Amino acid sequence: MLIRVRLVTAADRVSVTSAKEPPDHGPPDPRRIRPWHGRRGSFTRLSDDGHAMTVSSQARLSDLEAIRALAITYCQALDDENVDLMKSVFWPDATEELGSLFVGKAWDFADAFVSMREHVRPTMHVVWNHLIRFDDDVDVASGWCSGGGYQFAHALPEPRTRLVIGRYTDEYRRREGEWRMSARRFQMTGTMTEPVAGVQA
């Protein structure tokens, strides 16, 4: 019987440990981590190839949802003619500007808006494309969203459905853990009316 024996040299050896271990680049470079404009619990980290990787905290996502809920609640308050619900969207010192319809304290509009709807019931208000930007102050934000109101203008000589569209520009403040609007401005961009078939004034 012939037995072949092969000697293993140092060149034949493979270090399994060194192959599996990631390269050691030392401690993180503090210059590669920067705060993300006051977004609490979030940061921007530069990757090895120089690209920015943004990480958002769960707390900031909750802030976004709370602010978006304000715009939706505003629509609901309009349609339901709910004064208390309307006031819950604004801080007592908040301002509101609605073109030629109203300019002043938001709570004053809340007290008066029901009487302004006498000739346009029922309605359905909606918002979309809501963009929110946070300030360096974590309790301050601003926002823009498109808005539309569908109205049944029954008081016209010929009743019509009417669509009013425009853009809201908002400012938000968080006080004692609660987000509300501190200012709101609506700029109308257009209207569209259509006759209502089979309905007489």
Protein backbone atom coordinates (compact mmCIF):
# COMPACT_ATOMS: atom_id res chain seq x y z
CA MET A 1 0.00 0.00 0.00
CA LEU A 2 1.33 3.39 -1.00
CA ILE A 3 0.65 6.30 1.37
CA ARG A 4 1.11 9.86 0.16
CA VAL A 5 1.99 12.48 2.78
CA ARG A 6 1.81 16.24 2.07
CA LEU A 7 3.36 18.77 4.38
CA VAL A 8 1.24 21.87 5.09
CA THR A 9 3.26 25.01 4.89
CA ALA A 10 2.52 28.44 6.31
CA ALA A 11 1.31 29.60 2.89
CA ASP A 12 -1.44 26.97 2.94
CA ARG A 13 -2.92 28.08 6.26
CA VAL A 14 -6.08 30.29 6.26
CA SER A 15 -7.11 32.29 9.29
CA VAL A 16 -10.87 31.80 9.64
CA THR A 17 -11.12 34.29 12.47
CA SER A 18 -9.51 37.14 10.58
CA ALA A 19 -11.65 36.43 7.51
CA LYS A 20 -14.95 36.80 9.44
CA GLU A 21 -14.10 39.76 11.61
CA PRO A 22 -14.97 43.20 10.19
CA PRO A 23 -12.11 45.61 9.75
CA ASP A 24 -11.41 47.73 12.77
CA HIS A 25 -11.60 51.44 11.87
CA GLY A 26 -11.28 52.59 15.44
CA PRO A 27 -13.79 54.73 17.38
CA PRO A 28 -16.45 56.72 15.44
CA ASP A 29 -15.36 60.09 14.18
CA PRO A 30 -17.57 62.70 15.96
CA ARG A 31 -17.31 64.92 12.89
CA ARG A 32 -19.36 62.35 10.96
CA ILE A 33 -22.44 62.73 13.19
CA ARG A 34 -24.37 65.99 13.14
CA PRO A 35 -27.72 67.01 14.63
CA TRP A 36 -30.68 67.17 12.24
CA HIS A 37 -31.97 70.75 12.70
CA GLY A 38 -33.48 70.34 16.13
CA ARG A 39 -35.27 67.07 15.43
CA ARG A 40 -35.10 65.55 18.86
CA GLY A 41 -33.76 62.00 18.92
CA SER A 42 -32.64 62.13 15.29
CA PHE A 43 -29.28 62.59 13.64
CA THR A 44 -27.54 62.62 10.30
CA ARG A 45 -24.60 60.27 9.84
CA LEU A 46 -22.24 60.36 6.88
CA SER A 47 -21.54 56.96 5.36
CA ASP A 48 -18.05 55.88 4.37
CA ASP A 49 -18.67 57.07 0.81
CA GLY A 50 -19.73 60.54 2.01
CA HIS A 51 -23.52 60.20 1.60
CA ALA A 52 -25.86 61.47 4.33
CA MET A 53 -28.02 58.86 6.05
CA THR A 54 -30.92 60.37 8.00
CA VAL A 55 -32.44 58.49 10.92
CA SER A 56 -35.76 59.72 12.34
CA SER A 57 -36.98 59.04 15.86
CA GLN A 58 -40.35 57.57 16.77
CA ALA A 59 -41.07 60.69 18.80
CA ARG A 60 -40.72 62.94 15.76
CA LEU A 61 -43.00 60.69 13.72
CA SER A 62 -45.60 61.08 16.47
CA ASP A 63 -45.20 64.85 16.19
CA LEU A 64 -45.90 64.68 12.46
CA GLU A 65 -49.11 62.72 13.01
CA ALA A 66 -50.27 65.08 15.74
CA ILE A 67 -49.78 68.09 13.48
CA ARG A 68 -51.49 66.47 10.51
CA ALA A 69 -54.43 65.62 12.76
CA LEU A 70 -54.90 69.35 13.41
CA ALA A 71 -55.56 70.04 9.73
CA ILE A 72 -58.05 67.16 9.52
CA THR A 73 -59.79 68.21 12.73
CA TYR A 74 -60.15 71.73 11.33
CA CYS A 75 -62.06 70.30 8.35
CA GLN A 76 -64.27 68.21 10.61
CA ALA A 77 -65.06 71.20 12.80
CA LEU A 78 -66.11 73.23 9.76
CA ASP A 79 -68.40 70.54 8.40
CA ASP A 80 -69.93 69.66 11.78
CA GLU A 81 -70.19 73.33 12.81
CA ASN A 82 -68.53 72.41 16.09
CA VAL A 83 -67.21 75.54 17.82
CA ASP A 84 -65.40 73.74 20.65
CA LEU A 85 -63.71 71.36 18.24
CA MET A 86 -62.58 74.30 16.12
CA LYS A 87 -61.05 76.03 19.16
CA SER A 88 -59.21 72.84 20.11
CA VAL A 89 -57.10 73.20 16.96
CA PHE A 90 -55.75 76.67 17.89
CA TRP A 91 -53.99 78.21 20.85
CA PRO A 92 -56.03 81.05 22.42
CA ASP A 93 -53.60 83.67 21.05
CA ALA A 94 -53.51 82.17 17.55
CA THR A 95 -54.34 84.27 14.50
CA GLU A 96 -56.23 83.36 11.33
CA GLU A 97 -56.39 85.03 7.94
CA LEU A 98 -59.01 83.86 5.43
CA GLY A 99 -58.81 86.44 2.67
CA SER A 100 -61.72 88.87 2.66
CA LEU A 101 -63.81 86.53 4.83
CA PHE A 102 -61.96 86.97 8.12
CA VAL A 103 -58.76 88.34 9.65
CA GLY A 104 -58.17 88.21 13.39
CA LYS A 105 -58.00 85.84 16.35
CA ALA A 106 -58.71 82.24 15.47
CA TRP A 107 -61.01 81.77 18.45
CA ASP A 108 -63.07 84.77 17.29
CA PHE A 109 -63.54 83.04 13.95
CA ALA A 110 -64.57 79.88 15.77
CA ASP A 111 -67.31 81.83 17.54
CA ALA A 112 -68.56 83.36 14.29
CA PHE A 113 -68.07 80.84 11.51
CA VAL A 114 -71.36 78.96 12.01
CA SER A 115 -73.36 82.07 11.10
CA MET A 116 -71.20 82.45 7.96
CA ARG A 117 -72.34 79.05 6.71
CA GLU A 118 -76.04 79.85 6.60
CA HIS A 119 -76.18 79.72 2.80
CA VAL A 120 -73.65 76.95 2.15
CA ARG A 121 -74.86 73.80 3.84
CA PRO A 122 -73.90 70.99 3.77
CA THR A 123 -70.15 71.07 3.10
CA MET A 124 -67.23 68.68 2.90
CA HIS A 125 -63.73 70.05 3.48
CA VAL A 126 -60.55 68.13 2.67
CA VAL A 127 -56.78 68.71 2.78
CA TRP A 128 -53.95 67.02 0.91
CA ASN A 129 -50.23 67.35 0.14
CA HIS A 130 -49.48 68.35 3.73
CA LEU A 131 -45.82 69.31 4.05
CA ILE A 132 -44.37 69.97 7.51
CA ARG A 133 -41.00 71.49 8.39
CA PHE A 134 -39.56 71.52 11.89
CA ASP A 135 -37.66 74.51 13.22
CA ASP A 136 -34.39 74.49 15.15
CA ASP A 137 -36.66 74.81 18.18
CA VAL A 138 -38.11 71.30 18.65
CA ASP A 139 -41.45 72.79 19.75
CA VAL A 140 -41.96 74.89 16.60
CA ALA A 141 -42.98 73.82 13.11
CA SER A 142 -44.52 75.26 9.95
CA GLY A 143 -46.64 73.65 7.28
CA TRP A 144 -48.30 74.00 3.91
CA CYS A 145 -51.22 72.02 2.53
CA SER A 146 -53.74 72.25 -0.27
CA GLY A 147 -57.37 72.52 0.82
CA GLY A 148 -60.74 72.23 -0.81
CA GLY A 149 -64.32 72.81 0.28
CA TYR A 150 -67.35 71.29 -1.46
CA GLN A 151 -70.44 73.42 -0.82
CA PHE A 152 -74.11 73.25 -1.66
CA ALA A 153 -74.96 76.89 -2.28
CA HIS A 154 -78.73 76.57 -1.91
CA ALA A 155 -79.33 80.29 -1.32
CA LEU A 156 -78.38 81.33 -4.86
CA PRO A 157 -81.17 82.10 -7.37
CA GLU A 158 -80.17 78.82 -9.02
CA PRO A 159 -78.78 76.40 -6.43
CA ARG A 160 -75.35 75.16 -7.33
CA THR A 161 -72.60 72.99 -5.99
CA ARG A 162 -69.39 74.91 -5.52
CA LEU A 163 -65.79 73.83 -5.05
CA VAL A 164 -63.37 76.27 -3.44
CA ILE A 165 -59.67 75.36 -3.54
CA GLY A 166 -56.58 77.03 -2.14
CA ARG A 167 -53.54 76.66 0.08
CA TYR A 168 -53.14 76.82 3.85
CA THR A 169 -49.94 78.19 5.38
CA ASP A 170 -49.67 77.25 9.05
CA GLU A 171 -47.47 77.73 12.08
CA TYR A 172 -47.53 75.20 14.92
CA ARG A 173 -46.39 75.37 18.53
CA ARG A 174 -46.11 72.67 21.17
CA ARG A 175 -46.92 73.75 24.70
CA GLU A 176 -46.90 71.40 27.65
CA GLY A 177 -46.68 68.45 25.29
CA GLU A 178 -49.59 69.45 23.04
CA TRP A 179 -49.37 70.64 19.44
CA ARG A 180 -51.78 73.33 18.18
CA MET A 181 -51.83 75.94 15.45
CA SER A 182 -50.47 79.37 16.35
CA ALA A 183 -51.29 80.92 12.96
CA ARG A 184 -53.19 79.93 9.82
CA ARG A 185 -53.54 81.69 6.49
CA PHE A 186 -55.68 80.57 3.56
CA GLN A 187 -55.09 81.81 0.04
CA MET A 188 -57.82 80.91 -2.44
CA THR A 189 -56.59 79.82 -5.86
CA GLY A 190 -59.88 79.14 -7.62
CA THR A 191 -63.55 78.14 -7.55
CA MET A 192 -65.78 75.97 -9.69
CA THR A 193 -69.60 75.87 -9.68
CA GLU A 194 -72.07 73.50 -11.30
CA PRO A 195 -75.88 73.60 -11.41
CA VAL A 196 -77.84 71.11 -9.37
CA ALA A 197 -80.22 69.16 -11.58
CA GLY A 198 -83.84 68.92 -10.46
CA VAL A 199 -83.52 71.43 -7.60
CA GLN A 200 -85.34 74.77 -7.55
CA ALA A 201 -84.69 77.72 -5.29
